[in-house]
Amino acid sequence: MPRCVALLVLLIASPAAAAPKARSAPSATVEKKAAPPSPGTAMLRQVQPQLDELRACYAREKQKNPQLAAAEIVVHAVVDPSGKVIHSAAFQVKSKDVDSFDVIRRGVAACVTRRVQALELPRYPDGLGRKIVIAFRFNADQVSGGAAAKDGLSTEQMRFGRAVVAGESVGFSRSLGQLTHRYCWKEETDREGCSLRVLSLFPTRSLKKEIAIFKPGEALKEGERTTKEGRLLLDLAGNENVRWPPGAELAPVDWPDDAAALVLPDIGVALSAGGGRIDVSRAGPDGEEIATPRLELHGGKAAHLVAVYWAPSAPVVVIGTRRPAAPGLGDPANAKHVTDVETIQLGQ
């Protein structure tokens, strides 16, 4: 029997009255009813079998315009207690190409939201509605190597490296099993420091290297910042023990505070956060559930989920968190809280 996970909204049930003992059948057993699937799991079961039809929303526009750029559409669906989707809207539409954006917003996003609104989920026994966030990525191109730069890094890696140093993205290399991200901490005085962390994920998560970006209270002018970024990238390129990830870029999806679940159809994952943990649901192409362990966040209940980073081509989901500092986790001794990452490995 698949194991269903709890969500942000607690299911409140009054204890049933104790039944009198049956004299005629003392050994009789009462069959327990299975708990209803979580909203994220239920939505995943609905969306996965229809994923090809949802992708067709983008494919039709791409056929009309072969130059149409890749798209990211984040849909917010409001579900009433009966399981009916009463409202579906494109909360966020992204495209790197300005000319493609309007086509994606008017054509692709409108088509996707109509299909989501037609879904019907199981009834919620607690009588409460839910908001479910669904993030779609269409025609997501993998990061290519590009032309080699003079320092040994490709031009694409240089661009990507500057983005990570500037705090815009997280990088993962499938071949190296390596994650690169921006790690920041704040002191009691609210002075912030940041560094670049390179983590090895396989077979276990471990810190390979950390390079300072700026120290708490250090103010860098634009020219100084650009120079320092270049030095950091050269440091990575020249270090034999640390290689810059040439793999897929994981762009973030912000997590709304009032969301009940986040569904990532391309990789068949639904996430639910609360009480310092992430409940993970996985489903195959036909909607069948795949058992996944719960992820306990470092920092416990005080940890706050900030963003989710993912890419269809990468076997890892990276969760950006803000948590209390802990020297035992390698945090600075004078840090009050830190922004860090947790990882869900979907397989190597």
Foldseek 3Di string as FASTA:
>chain_A
DADADDFADDQDDDDDDDDDQDPVCNPDDDDDDDDFHAPQLQLLLVCLLCVVVLLVLVVVVCVVPVPQFKKKWKKKFKAFQQQQGPFIAGPDIDGPDPVNRVCCRPGNRVVNRVVSNPDGGHGHPRRGMAIEMEMDIHPDDKQAQAPADPLRGHPSLLVVLLCQLVQFFKDAAPVQQKIKHKKKFAFPVRFMWIWIWIWRPPPHTDTQDIGTLGDGPDDDDPVRSVVSSVVVVSVQSPDPSHHRHSTGIWGKDWDDPRHGWYHYNLQQWIWHDAQQKIDIWGADSNSHTDDDDIGGHPQGRQKDWTIWTDDSVAQKIKTWIKHADDVVVVGDPRTGIMIDIDMDGNDD
